Amino acid sequence: MTDPALSRQSLDSRALLSALRCLRQGDFNVRLPTGCPGIGGEISGLFNDIAAQMSEVEYKNRQIEQARASLEEKAEQLALSSRCKSEFVANMSHELRTPLNSLLILARLLAENAPGTLTAKQVEYAQTIHAAGSDLLSLIDDILDLAKIESGTITLNIASERLYDLHYHVERAFRQVAADKGLEFEVEIAPGLPSEIRTDAKRLQQILKNLLSNAFKFTASGKVMLRVFEAAPGLFPGHRRLASAGEVIAFSVMDTGVGIPEGRHKIIFDAFQQADGTTNRQYGGTGLGLSISRELAALLGGEIRVSSTPGQGSNFTLYLPLHPASPAAGTASPLPARRLDAVPGTAAADQKNKRLAQELQLLSSGLAGKTVLVVDDDRRNIFALASTLQQQRMKVLSAASGREGIRILESEPAIDIVLMDVMMPDLDGYETVRRMRQVERFNNLPIIAITARAMKGDRDKCIEAGASDYLAKPVNVDQLVSLLRVWLLK
């Protein structure tokens, strides 16, 4: 006869083995009967505790997996939204810049009045059209920059920028503005600064241009001044990147203008905001410049601070971490402040001398007699570019599509260079360039891609397709001519 205790022990062992198999198969709800005497009861209780813990872990893992799946779905939605926003910005850039391209080029050609057939009033009309178009382009660029910042598609190109070059660019950009308004304008770079700052030169110039433009806009009398100096240590306890920087450089823009009430010091950095409701009506502008400047400063690792008193003027200071190109970087010679209102103006020469200068420039440019093929589906752009190129004494051929461009290129061996629009229906500029490069005799033909998208990666995409170089619309005539000379006079 079997001992009842041994029978229960044997039965408990089989139950334990079965329960363990269930655990191994992922069934964490299995339980052993409780109340068994001795070690069997302890094993049952311990097993049940472990099974309960594993069940809880499984439940939490399911929750984590659901949360992860939800996050992945939201991340995909955000990525899709970002792609859609980037594509929208690119398309908007193309649609806005394309008509401006022909408008600005033709207005400039009229304003130059090379043949001397326009009256002074007609030249003034053309200059007004060009100025208004340039203002519109500036507004479009501001809106696109803000959209790029918000969508995370803005690109920084960090390199060494010489402070002397910065001084030169600022003077050149605002010397005439100061003279026209009768204001003093001083640019002062403190002695002892390293000769170079490591930053994105284009974005730094954009920030300073915005700050100086505002200073001149809101100053009717007195002066505007840009000072560049090393910031005192300990000014940035709440700014991680500036606080940890070895040195910080300050760009301080001071004016004697209308000033800003203290209660508006923060809100003026918000998009489409100005000091008060009458500012736009009195001074113009959209209120985008400071918002863009603040975001660009943050991207460059710095910040902008403002101090201002109504009726006395304002002081906007951009702080950026200073990274010399090398430990042995030299120091810039002190650049003394200059009264730019005392610099002689750049008054235009009389019409005869102007035409003579243009003739000499054409003879020395090396472009006369060269043949260029312009491929663009917009006839207005073809007309504008052709007019500009013909003034350089170039022969111009045109095509309204990529396929037509290939056909003309194959039938006209005298073509020296191609200007290729990127955004064309049917066969776009990228594919057109690829097909041109497939023909061996066109392998070394200079092809300059022209696009109104002007988005991150567009230049690289053009170069990868086989283009030699890249220009953004609206095309700057001086830049176009310089680029043509680079590729045709190699």
Protein backbone atom coordinates (compact mmCIF):
# COMPACT_ATOMS: atom_id res chain seq x y z
CA MET A 1 0.00 0.00 0.00
CA THR A 2 1.36 3.44 -1.02
CA ASP A 3 2.10 6.00 1.61
CA PRO A 4 -0.38 8.93 1.08
CA ALA A 5 2.44 11.48 1.55
CA LEU A 6 4.54 9.74 -1.12
CA SER A 7 1.49 9.70 -3.41
CA ARG A 8 0.93 13.45 -2.94
CA GLN A 9 4.66 14.09 -3.47
CA SER A 10 4.62 12.09 -6.72
CA LEU A 11 1.47 13.89 -7.85
CA ASP A 12 3.01 17.31 -7.00
CA SER A 13 6.15 16.47 -9.01
CA ARG A 14 4.12 15.66 -12.11
CA ALA A 15 2.10 18.87 -11.67
CA LEU A 16 5.31 20.88 -11.24
CA LEU A 17 6.80 19.35 -14.41
CA SER A 18 3.64 20.16 -16.37
CA ALA A 19 3.56 23.72 -15.06
CA LEU A 20 7.22 24.26 -15.96
CA ARG A 21 6.51 23.11 -19.51
CA CYS A 22 3.69 25.67 -19.69
CA LEU A 23 6.05 28.43 -18.54
CA ARG A 24 8.59 27.43 -21.18
CA GLN A 25 5.87 27.72 -23.83
CA GLY A 26 4.95 31.24 -22.67
CA ASP A 27 1.85 30.48 -20.61
CA PHE A 28 2.43 32.65 -17.56
CA ASN A 29 -1.09 32.17 -16.19
CA VAL A 30 -0.44 28.60 -15.03
CA ARG A 31 -0.57 28.05 -11.27
CA LEU A 32 0.13 25.13 -8.91
CA PRO A 33 -2.37 24.17 -6.21
CA THR A 34 -1.55 25.64 -2.84
CA GLY A 35 -1.89 24.05 0.58
CA CYS A 36 0.44 21.11 -0.02
CA PRO A 37 2.36 20.19 3.15
CA GLY A 38 6.10 20.52 3.52
CA ILE A 39 8.52 21.42 0.77
CA GLY A 40 5.92 20.78 -1.93
CA GLY A 41 3.83 23.66 -0.63
CA GLU A 42 6.85 25.97 -0.55
CA ILE A 43 7.73 25.04 -4.13
CA SER A 44 4.12 25.68 -5.23
CA GLY A 45 4.07 29.10 -3.57
CA LEU A 46 7.45 30.07 -5.02
CA PHE A 47 6.43 28.85 -8.49
CA ASN A 48 3.20 30.82 -8.37
CA ASP A 49 5.07 33.98 -7.31
CA ILE A 50 7.54 33.58 -10.20
CA ALA A 51 4.71 32.92 -12.66
CA ALA A 52 2.85 36.02 -11.45
CA GLN A 53 5.98 38.15 -11.84
CA MET A 54 6.58 36.78 -15.33
CA SER A 55 2.95 37.49 -16.21
CA GLU A 56 3.39 41.07 -15.00
CA VAL A 57 6.60 41.42 -17.02
CA GLU A 58 4.82 40.08 -20.10
CA TYR A 59 1.99 42.59 -19.61
CA LYS A 60 4.44 45.48 -19.28
CA ASN A 61 6.37 44.26 -22.33
CA ARG A 62 3.14 44.28 -24.31
CA GLN A 63 2.49 47.84 -23.18
CA ILE A 64 6.04 48.86 -24.14
CA GLU A 65 5.65 47.21 -27.54
CA GLN A 66 2.35 48.97 -28.12
CA ALA A 67 3.92 52.29 -27.12
CA ARG A 68 6.91 51.63 -29.38
CA ALA A 69 4.61 50.79 -32.30
CA SER A 70 2.61 53.94 -31.61
CA LEU A 71 5.80 56.02 -31.50
CA GLU A 72 7.03 54.47 -34.75
CA GLU A 73 3.70 55.27 -36.39
CA LYS A 74 3.84 58.85 -35.15
CA ALA A 75 7.48 59.13 -36.26
CA GLU A 76 6.49 57.95 -39.73
CA GLN A 77 3.66 60.47 -39.78
CA LEU A 78 6.05 63.24 -38.70
CA ALA A 79 8.59 62.18 -41.32
CA LEU A 80 5.87 62.17 -43.97
CA SER A 81 4.66 65.55 -42.78
CA SER A 82 8.22 66.89 -42.88
CA ARG A 83 8.73 65.52 -46.39
CA CYS A 84 5.44 67.05 -47.53
CA LYS A 85 6.37 70.38 -45.94
CA SER A 86 9.82 70.29 -47.54
CA GLU A 87 8.31 69.47 -50.92
CA PHE A 88 5.76 72.25 -50.49
CA VAL A 89 8.52 74.72 -49.64
CA ALA A 90 10.53 73.58 -52.65
CA ASN A 91 7.55 73.90 -54.98
CA MET A 92 6.61 77.27 -53.51
CA SER A 93 10.19 78.42 -54.00
CA HIS A 94 10.03 77.35 -57.64
CA GLU A 95 6.65 78.95 -58.34
CA LEU A 96 7.59 82.27 -56.71
CA ARG A 97 11.15 82.57 -57.96
CA THR A 98 10.49 81.61 -61.58
CA PRO A 99 8.48 84.71 -62.60
CA LEU A 100 10.82 86.93 -60.57
CA ASN A 101 13.76 85.60 -62.56
CA SER A 102 12.69 87.18 -65.84
CA LEU A 103 11.32 90.31 -64.12
CA LEU A 104 14.57 91.15 -62.33
CA ILE A 105 16.84 90.35 -65.27
CA LEU A 106 14.83 92.42 -67.75
CA ALA A 107 14.36 95.31 -65.31
CA ARG A 108 18.10 95.44 -64.75
CA LEU A 109 18.78 95.40 -68.50
CA LEU A 110 16.40 98.32 -68.96
CA ALA A 111 17.89 100.24 -66.04
CA GLU A 112 21.41 99.84 -67.43
CA ASN A 113 20.20 101.45 -70.69
CA ALA A 114 23.23 100.18 -72.59
CA PRO A 115 22.04 101.46 -76.00
CA GLY A 116 21.27 104.86 -74.45
CA THR A 117 17.78 104.96 -75.97
CA LEU A 118 15.78 105.48 -72.77
CA THR A 119 15.03 108.79 -71.11
CA ALA A 120 16.11 109.46 -67.53
CA LYS A 121 12.52 108.98 -66.38
CA GLN A 122 12.25 105.62 -68.15
CA VAL A 123 15.48 104.48 -66.53
CA GLU A 124 14.03 105.53 -63.18
CA TYR A 125 10.91 103.45 -63.91
CA ALA A 126 13.09 100.41 -64.62
CA GLN A 127 15.14 100.99 -61.47
CA THR A 128 11.93 101.19 -59.44
CA ILE A 129 10.67 97.92 -60.93
CA HIS A 130 13.99 96.23 -60.14
CA ALA A 131 14.03 97.61 -56.58
CA ALA A 132 10.45 96.46 -55.95
CA GLY A 133 11.23 93.04 -57.39
CA SER A 134 14.32 92.79 -55.19
CA ASP A 135 12.22 93.67 -52.13
CA LEU A 136 9.74 90.96 -53.10
CA LEU A 137 12.58 88.47 -53.52
CA SER A 138 13.88 89.40 -50.07
CA LEU A 139 10.43 88.77 -48.59
CA ILE A 140 10.17 85.42 -50.39
CA ASP A 141 13.61 84.43 -49.12
CA ASP A 142 12.58 85.32 -45.55
CA ILE A 143 9.41 83.22 -45.77
CA LEU A 144 11.32 80.29 -47.29
CA ASP A 145 14.05 80.53 -44.65
CA LEU A 146 11.44 80.46 -41.90
CA ALA A 147 9.77 77.44 -43.51
CA LYS A 148 13.14 75.67 -43.84
CA ILE A 149 13.93 76.32 -40.18
CA GLU A 150 10.54 75.02 -39.06
CA SER A 151 10.84 71.89 -41.22
CA GLY A 152 14.44 71.25 -40.18
CA THR A 153 15.76 71.41 -43.75
CA ILE A 154 18.06 74.42 -43.45
CA THR A 155 21.72 73.69 -44.18
CA LEU A 156 24.77 75.07 -42.39
CA ASN A 157 28.20 75.20 -44.01
CA ILE A 158 30.70 75.70 -41.21
CA ALA A 159 34.05 77.11 -42.32
CA SER A 160 36.57 79.76 -41.34
CA GLU A 161 35.46 83.34 -41.97
CA ARG A 162 37.98 86.18 -41.82
CA LEU A 163 36.80 89.08 -39.72
CA TYR A 164 38.35 91.47 -42.23
CA ASP A 165 36.14 89.99 -44.97
CA LEU A 166 33.11 90.41 -42.74
CA HIS A 167 34.09 94.04 -42.15
CA TYR A 168 34.36 94.57 -45.92
CA HIS A 169 30.98 92.96 -46.71
CA VAL A 170 29.18 95.02 -44.07
CA GLU A 171 30.73 98.27 -45.26
CA ARG A 172 29.96 97.56 -48.89
CA ALA A 173 26.35 96.63 -48.13
CA PHE A 174 25.48 99.62 -45.93
CA ARG A 175 27.82 102.46 -46.90
CA GLN A 176 25.40 103.93 -49.44
CA VAL A 177 22.41 103.33 -47.16
CA ALA A 178 24.07 105.47 -44.49
CA ALA A 179 24.93 108.18 -47.01
CA ASP A 180 21.39 108.26 -48.40
CA LYS A 181 19.88 108.72 -44.92
CA GLY A 182 22.54 111.15 -43.73
CA LEU A 183 23.60 108.84 -40.89
CA GLU A 184 27.01 108.10 -39.45
CA PHE A 185 28.00 104.46 -39.81
CA GLU A 186 30.91 102.95 -37.93
CA VAL A 187 32.33 99.43 -38.01
CA GLU A 188 34.77 98.67 -35.24
CA ILE A 189 36.61 95.39 -34.67
CA ALA A 190 38.39 95.24 -31.33
CA PRO A 191 42.15 94.63 -31.40
CA GLY A 192 43.45 91.27 -30.24
CA LEU A 193 40.68 89.14 -31.72
CA PRO A 194 41.65 86.03 -33.69
CA SER A 195 41.67 86.77 -37.40
CA GLU A 196 39.02 84.12 -38.14
CA ILE A 197 35.80 82.82 -36.67
CA ARG A 198 34.57 79.32 -37.39
CA THR A 199 30.95 79.62 -38.45
CA ASP A 200 28.60 79.68 -41.43
CA ALA A 201 29.66 82.92 -43.12
CA LYS A 202 26.50 83.22 -45.20
CA ARG A 203 24.21 82.86 -42.18
CA LEU A 204 26.33 85.17 -40.04
CA GLN A 205 26.14 87.83 -42.74
CA GLN A 206 22.39 87.24 -43.00
CA ILE A 207 21.92 87.85 -39.27
CA LEU A 208 24.04 91.00 -39.31
CA LYS A 209 22.26 92.23 -42.42
CA ASN A 210 18.89 91.81 -40.67
CA LEU A 211 20.09 93.61 -37.54
CA LEU A 212 21.71 96.45 -39.47
CA SER A 213 18.75 96.81 -41.84
CA ASN A 214 16.47 97.25 -38.84
CA ALA A 215 18.87 99.75 -37.28
CA PHE A 216 18.90 101.90 -40.41
CA LYS A 217 15.16 101.52 -40.93
CA PHE A 218 14.26 102.81 -37.46
CA THR A 219 16.94 105.53 -37.22
CA ALA A 220 16.13 108.95 -38.71
CA SER A 221 19.15 110.82 -37.37
CA GLY A 222 22.38 110.10 -35.54
CA LYS A 223 24.37 106.96 -36.13
CA VAL A 224 24.43 103.20 -36.55
CA MET A 225 27.41 101.25 -35.31
CA LEU A 226 28.62 97.64 -35.47
CA ARG A 227 31.15 96.62 -32.83
CA VAL A 228 32.87 93.23 -32.78
CA PHE A 229 34.61 92.22 -29.56
CA GLU A 230 35.22 89.33 -27.18
CA ALA A 231 32.38 88.85 -24.69
CA ALA A 232 33.17 88.86 -21.00
CA PRO A 233 33.21 85.41 -19.36
CA GLY A 234 30.32 84.32 -17.17
CA LEU A 235 27.56 86.00 -19.20
CA PHE A 236 25.85 82.78 -20.25
CA PRO A 237 25.05 80.56 -17.24
CA GLY A 238 21.81 79.37 -18.84
CA HIS A 239 23.20 78.71 -22.32
CA ARG A 240 25.01 75.38 -22.51
CA ARG A 241 26.93 75.92 -25.75
CA LEU A 242 28.04 79.46 -24.98
CA ALA A 243 28.84 78.66 -21.34
CA SER A 244 31.09 75.78 -22.43
CA ALA A 245 32.78 77.73 -25.24
CA GLY A 246 36.35 78.76 -24.63
CA GLU A 247 35.76 82.19 -26.12
CA VAL A 248 32.62 83.99 -27.23
CA ILE A 249 32.57 86.76 -29.81
CA ALA A 250 29.97 89.52 -29.71
CA PHE A 251 28.56 91.41 -32.69
CA SER A 252 26.81 94.47 -31.28
CA VAL A 253 24.56 96.62 -33.51
CA MET A 254 23.77 99.96 -31.89
CA ASP A 255 21.54 102.73 -33.23
CA THR A 256 20.10 106.05 -32.09
CA GLY A 257 16.64 105.27 -33.44
CA VAL A 258 13.13 105.15 -32.03
CA GLY A 259 13.83 102.41 -29.49
CA ILE A 260 11.59 99.60 -28.27
CA PRO A 261 9.44 99.50 -25.10
CA GLU A 262 10.74 97.00 -22.56
CA GLY A 263 7.51 95.03 -22.67
CA ARG A 264 8.07 94.31 -26.37
CA HIS A 265 11.66 93.05 -26.13
CA LYS A 266 10.65 89.38 -26.29
CA ILE A 267 7.70 89.52 -28.65
CA ILE A 268 9.66 91.23 -31.45
CA PHE A 269 11.52 87.94 -31.98
CA ASP A 270 8.27 86.13 -32.82
CA ALA A 271 7.42 85.70 -36.49
CA PHE A 272 5.36 88.52 -38.04
CA GLN A 273 5.68 90.63 -34.88
CA GLN A 274 6.93 94.21 -34.62
CA ALA A 275 7.27 96.74 -31.83
CA ASP A 276 3.65 97.91 -32.15
CA GLY A 277 0.73 97.92 -34.55
CA THR A 278 1.82 101.13 -36.28
CA THR A 279 5.36 99.95 -37.05
CA ASN A 280 4.44 98.15 -40.25
CA ARG A 281 2.42 101.08 -41.55
CA GLN A 282 5.15 103.60 -40.75
CA TYR A 283 8.33 101.67 -41.54
CA GLY A 284 7.21 98.66 -43.59
CA GLY A 285 8.50 95.13 -43.22
CA THR A 286 6.95 91.83 -42.18
CA GLY A 287 8.51 91.18 -38.78
CA LEU A 288 10.32 88.06 -40.02
CA GLY A 289 13.92 89.28 -39.86
CA LEU A 290 14.43 89.06 -36.10
CA SER A 291 12.61 85.73 -35.85
CA ILE A 292 14.84 84.22 -38.54
CA SER A 293 17.94 85.79 -36.99
CA ARG A 294 17.15 84.33 -33.57
CA GLU A 295 16.68 80.83 -35.03
CA LEU A 296 19.85 81.09 -37.11
CA ALA A 297 21.79 82.28 -34.07
CA ALA A 298 20.58 79.22 -32.15
CA LEU A 299 21.62 76.92 -35.02
CA LEU A 300 25.08 78.50 -34.93
CA GLY A 301 25.31 77.82 -31.19
CA GLY A 302 24.62 81.35 -30.01
CA GLU A 303 21.90 83.81 -29.11
CA ILE A 304 20.74 87.40 -29.62
CA ARG A 305 20.08 89.81 -26.75
CA VAL A 306 18.46 93.22 -26.91
CA SER A 307 18.56 96.34 -24.76
CA SER A 308 16.57 99.39 -25.79
CA THR A 309 15.04 102.61 -24.52
CA PRO A 310 12.21 104.35 -26.40
CA GLY A 311 13.44 107.57 -27.96
CA GLN A 312 17.12 106.78 -27.36
CA GLY A 313 17.87 103.78 -29.54
CA SER A 314 18.51 100.05 -29.43
CA ASN A 315 21.38 97.63 -29.05
CA PHE A 316 21.08 94.12 -30.50
CA THR A 317 24.01 91.83 -29.70
CA LEU A 318 24.69 88.50 -31.37
CA TYR A 319 26.86 86.13 -29.31
CA LEU A 320 28.59 83.23 -31.06
CA PRO A 321 31.19 80.70 -29.88
CA LEU A 322 34.58 81.55 -31.36
CA HIS A 323 36.56 78.70 -32.93
CA PRO A 324 39.79 79.83 -34.61
CA ALA A 325 40.92 77.78 -37.59
CA SER A 326 44.01 76.61 -35.68
CA PRO A 327 45.59 77.11 -32.26
CA ALA A 328 48.24 79.26 -33.90
CA ALA A 329 45.77 81.54 -35.58
CA GLY A 330 46.99 85.09 -35.86
CA THR A 331 45.23 88.14 -34.61
CA ALA A 332 43.54 90.71 -36.73
CA SER A 333 45.00 94.16 -36.91
CA PRO A 334 42.69 96.63 -35.24
CA LEU A 335 40.33 98.13 -37.78
CA PRO A 336 39.59 101.70 -36.73
CA ALA A 337 36.06 102.99 -36.77
CA ARG A 338 35.31 104.94 -39.92
CA ARG A 339 32.78 107.63 -40.65
CA LEU A 340 31.27 106.16 -43.78
CA ASP A 341 29.23 109.26 -44.43
CA ALA A 342 32.58 110.90 -45.19
CA VAL A 343 33.50 108.29 -47.83
CA PRO A 344 32.98 109.67 -51.34
CA GLY A 345 29.81 108.37 -52.95
CA THR A 346 29.77 106.11 -55.94
CA ALA A 347 28.00 108.50 -58.27
CA ALA A 348 27.29 107.09 -61.72
CA ALA A 349 29.47 108.25 -64.60
CA ASP A 350 27.86 110.07 -67.47
CA GLN A 351 26.21 107.96 -70.17
CA LYS A 352 29.10 108.18 -72.62
CA ASN A 353 31.69 106.99 -70.11
CA LYS A 354 29.31 104.29 -68.93
CA ARG A 355 28.91 102.91 -72.44
CA LEU A 356 32.67 103.02 -72.95
CA ALA A 357 33.22 101.11 -69.73
CA GLN A 358 30.68 98.49 -70.81
CA GLU A 359 32.41 98.08 -74.18
CA LEU A 360 35.77 97.59 -72.49
CA GLN A 361 34.23 95.10 -70.08
CA LEU A 362 32.73 93.11 -72.94
CA LEU A 363 36.02 93.00 -74.80
CA SER A 364 37.84 91.75 -71.71
CA SER A 365 35.18 89.27 -70.60
CA GLY A 366 36.10 86.64 -73.18
CA LEU A 367 32.45 85.67 -73.70
CA ALA A 368 31.91 87.42 -77.04
CA GLY A 369 31.37 84.96 -79.87
CA LYS A 370 30.70 81.98 -77.58
CA THR A 371 27.55 79.92 -78.17
CA VAL A 372 25.23 79.05 -75.29
CA LEU A 373 22.21 76.74 -75.30
CA VAL A 374 19.44 77.76 -72.88
CA VAL A 375 17.04 74.92 -71.98
CA ASP A 376 13.93 76.13 -70.10
CA ASP A 377 10.22 75.43 -70.45
CA ASP A 378 9.36 79.02 -69.47
CA ARG A 379 9.68 81.32 -72.49
CA ARG A 380 9.93 84.37 -70.23
CA ASN A 381 13.09 82.99 -68.66
CA ILE A 382 14.54 82.15 -72.06
CA PHE A 383 13.88 85.70 -73.25
CA ALA A 384 15.41 87.25 -70.12
CA LEU A 385 18.52 85.05 -70.17
CA ALA A 386 18.95 85.46 -73.92
CA SER A 387 18.76 89.25 -73.60
CA THR A 388 21.45 89.22 -70.93
CA LEU A 389 23.72 86.84 -72.82
CA GLN A 390 23.34 88.75 -76.07
CA GLN A 391 24.55 91.86 -74.27
CA GLN A 392 27.72 89.88 -73.64
CA ARG A 393 27.95 89.36 -77.42
CA MET A 394 27.18 85.65 -77.05
CA LYS A 395 25.21 83.61 -79.57
CA VAL A 396 22.12 82.15 -77.92
CA LEU A 397 20.22 78.99 -78.88
CA SER A 398 17.15 77.94 -76.92
CA ALA A 399 15.03 74.87 -76.27
CA ALA A 400 11.68 74.67 -74.48
CA SER A 401 12.11 71.06 -73.31
CA GLY A 402 14.79 68.58 -72.41
CA ARG A 403 14.22 66.49 -75.52
CA GLU A 404 14.48 69.55 -77.76
CA GLY A 405 17.66 70.56 -75.93
CA ILE A 406 19.26 67.18 -76.63
CA ARG A 407 18.24 67.39 -80.30
CA ILE A 408 19.71 70.89 -80.72
CA LEU A 409 22.90 69.92 -78.90
CA GLU A 410 23.41 66.95 -81.20
CA SER A 411 22.84 69.06 -84.32
CA GLU A 412 24.88 72.13 -83.28
CA PRO A 413 28.54 71.20 -82.68
CA ALA A 414 29.49 74.85 -82.00
CA ILE A 415 27.70 74.99 -78.61
CA ASP A 416 30.21 75.97 -75.91
CA ILE A 417 28.03 75.78 -72.78
CA VAL A 418 24.51 74.81 -71.67
CA LEU A 419 22.23 76.55 -69.15
CA MET A 420 19.80 73.86 -67.98
CA ASP A 421 16.57 74.52 -66.08
CA VAL A 422 15.92 71.72 -63.60
CA MET A 423 12.14 71.81 -63.15
CA MET A 424 10.69 70.89 -66.54
CA PRO A 425 7.73 68.64 -67.41
CA ASP A 426 8.16 65.32 -69.20
CA LEU A 427 11.97 65.17 -69.14
CA ASP A 428 13.35 67.17 -66.22
CA GLY A 429 16.75 68.80 -66.10
CA TYR A 430 18.38 66.00 -64.12
CA GLU A 431 17.49 63.33 -66.67
CA THR A 432 18.29 65.64 -69.59
CA VAL A 433 21.80 66.19 -68.23
CA ARG A 434 22.26 62.44 -67.67
CA ARG A 435 21.30 61.72 -71.28
CA MET A 436 23.61 64.43 -72.57
CA ARG A 437 26.50 62.95 -70.58
CA GLN A 438 25.85 59.54 -72.12
CA VAL A 439 27.15 60.93 -75.42
CA GLU A 440 30.94 60.79 -75.29
CA ARG A 441 31.58 64.11 -77.05
CA PHE A 442 29.47 65.91 -74.43
CA ASN A 443 31.36 64.49 -71.44
CA ASN A 444 33.41 67.67 -70.95
CA LEU A 445 30.78 70.17 -72.10
CA PRO A 446 30.08 72.72 -69.32
CA ILE A 447 26.45 72.40 -68.17
CA ILE A 448 25.17 74.84 -65.54
CA ALA A 449 21.98 73.74 -63.78
CA ILE A 450 19.52 76.51 -62.91
CA THR A 451 16.72 75.90 -60.42
CA ALA A 452 14.20 77.94 -58.49
CA ARG A 453 13.86 75.30 -55.76
CA ALA A 454 17.01 76.39 -53.89
CA MET A 455 16.57 73.66 -51.27
CA LYS A 456 18.93 71.52 -49.23
CA GLY A 457 20.65 68.94 -51.42
CA ASP A 458 19.61 70.49 -54.75
CA ARG A 459 23.16 71.42 -55.70
CA ASP A 460 24.46 67.94 -54.87
CA LYS A 461 21.63 66.38 -56.85
CA CYS A 462 22.51 68.52 -59.88
CA ILE A 463 26.20 67.62 -59.66
CA GLU A 464 25.39 63.91 -59.25
CA ALA A 465 23.26 64.09 -62.40
CA GLY A 466 26.29 65.38 -64.30
CA ALA A 467 25.98 69.17 -64.14
CA SER A 468 29.21 71.14 -63.96
CA ASP A 469 27.83 73.85 -61.69
CA TYR A 470 24.65 75.25 -60.17
CA LEU A 471 22.76 78.57 -59.96
CA ALA A 472 19.61 79.44 -58.03
CA LYS A 473 16.81 81.56 -59.47
CA PRO A 474 16.32 84.45 -59.66
CA VAL A 475 19.64 84.47 -61.46
CA ASN A 476 22.06 87.17 -60.38
CA VAL A 477 23.43 88.55 -63.66
CA ASP A 478 26.90 89.29 -62.27
CA GLN A 479 27.13 85.81 -60.79
CA LEU A 480 25.97 84.25 -64.07
CA VAL A 481 28.57 86.15 -66.10
CA SER A 482 31.30 85.22 -63.62
CA LEU A 483 30.32 81.57 -63.78
CA LEU A 484 30.29 81.61 -67.58
CA ARG A 485 33.79 83.06 -67.58
CA VAL A 486 34.99 80.41 -65.13
CA TRP A 487 33.81 77.57 -67.37
CA LEU A 488 34.49 79.07 -70.79
CA LEU A 489 37.94 80.49 -70.11
CA LYS A 490 39.44 77.43 -68.45
